[in-house]
Amino acid sequence: MSARRHRRWVFGLGLVVATLLPAGLAAHAALAAENTDIWPDLAKTLFQDRVLKDGSDIIALDAPGRAEDAAIVPVTISVNLAAGDTRKLVALTLVIDNNPSPLAGVFKVGPNSTLNSLSTRIRVDTYTNVHVVAQLSDGDLYVTQRFVKASGGCSAPMLKDATEAKASLGQMKLRQFEKREGAASDEREVQVMIRHPNNSGMQMDQLSRLYIPPLFIEHLNLWQGNELVLTMEGGISISEDPNLRLSYRLASAADYRVEAIDSDKHDFTANFPFTKPQT
């Protein structure tokens, strides 16, 4: 089975769990998983028999040791290739080991883009290790991890009611940041925000007492002109109203375009003018 099909299998497994498991059984499974190191099996499923090297000198994963809100846990991944290292980051795979759907997202860097850092927000269902695996241009894989204490993030109620969520579905914003001191001339920092419930399938409608079907951003592309900056393959472990903040290098001053599609095949597209960053 190919790596891409493995990833689809893990995303799909999360949908099955979210759709079929009663809340009590899901909680029992989460508690059982809390006392079991499932990372070796997850790594084998996602990366087959490829070697995962220690990534502590290559990538850094920042996440709270104890989350204030399990449904909105901020994580930041920084790329720290040594000076003179000619390799490039190709992709990042974010895994929340003990979540019903462990594979939170796969983020692929455009061919002419260099990613420095990436931040997003995730759901955490129980105490868990969070792993990030970086693939470099020579094919090597590097892994690092962080332990996060949180519970109930996947079944937490939506922040907006269904009517409000439907009315704003797919609305996008793009924020551009000033250049940090000492940054390269082609370095950019932007934040992509999309209104979407990213329903996990484990949340209950407070009126009907029925579970809300899963509905989440499945794929997202960020373009600058004709240059692909970043793609995301996402799942139910990404928080409501998906949010990506990235620092990258790309020799382009073209306008931005964001394209997204969710699991019900709704298409969303928005264009944003490029603003030259000020120092």
Foldseek 3Di string as FASTA:
>chain_A
DDLVVLLVVLQVQLQCCLAPPAPVVLVVQLVVVVPPDCVVVNCCSNVNPADAAACPQAKDKDWDQEAPALQWTKIKMFGHDDPPPPKAWAKKWKAWDRRSRGGFKIKGFFPQKGFGMKMKTWHHAAWTKMKMWIAIPVGHIYMDIHTYGDHDNLADAFPDDPVVLVVQAFDKDKDWAADDPPDDQQKTKMKIWTAHQQRSSNYADPVVRHGDRGKHWQKKWKDFVPTTGMMMGGHSGGHGGIMMITIMGHPGQGWMKMWIAMPVGDIHIDTGHGDRHHD
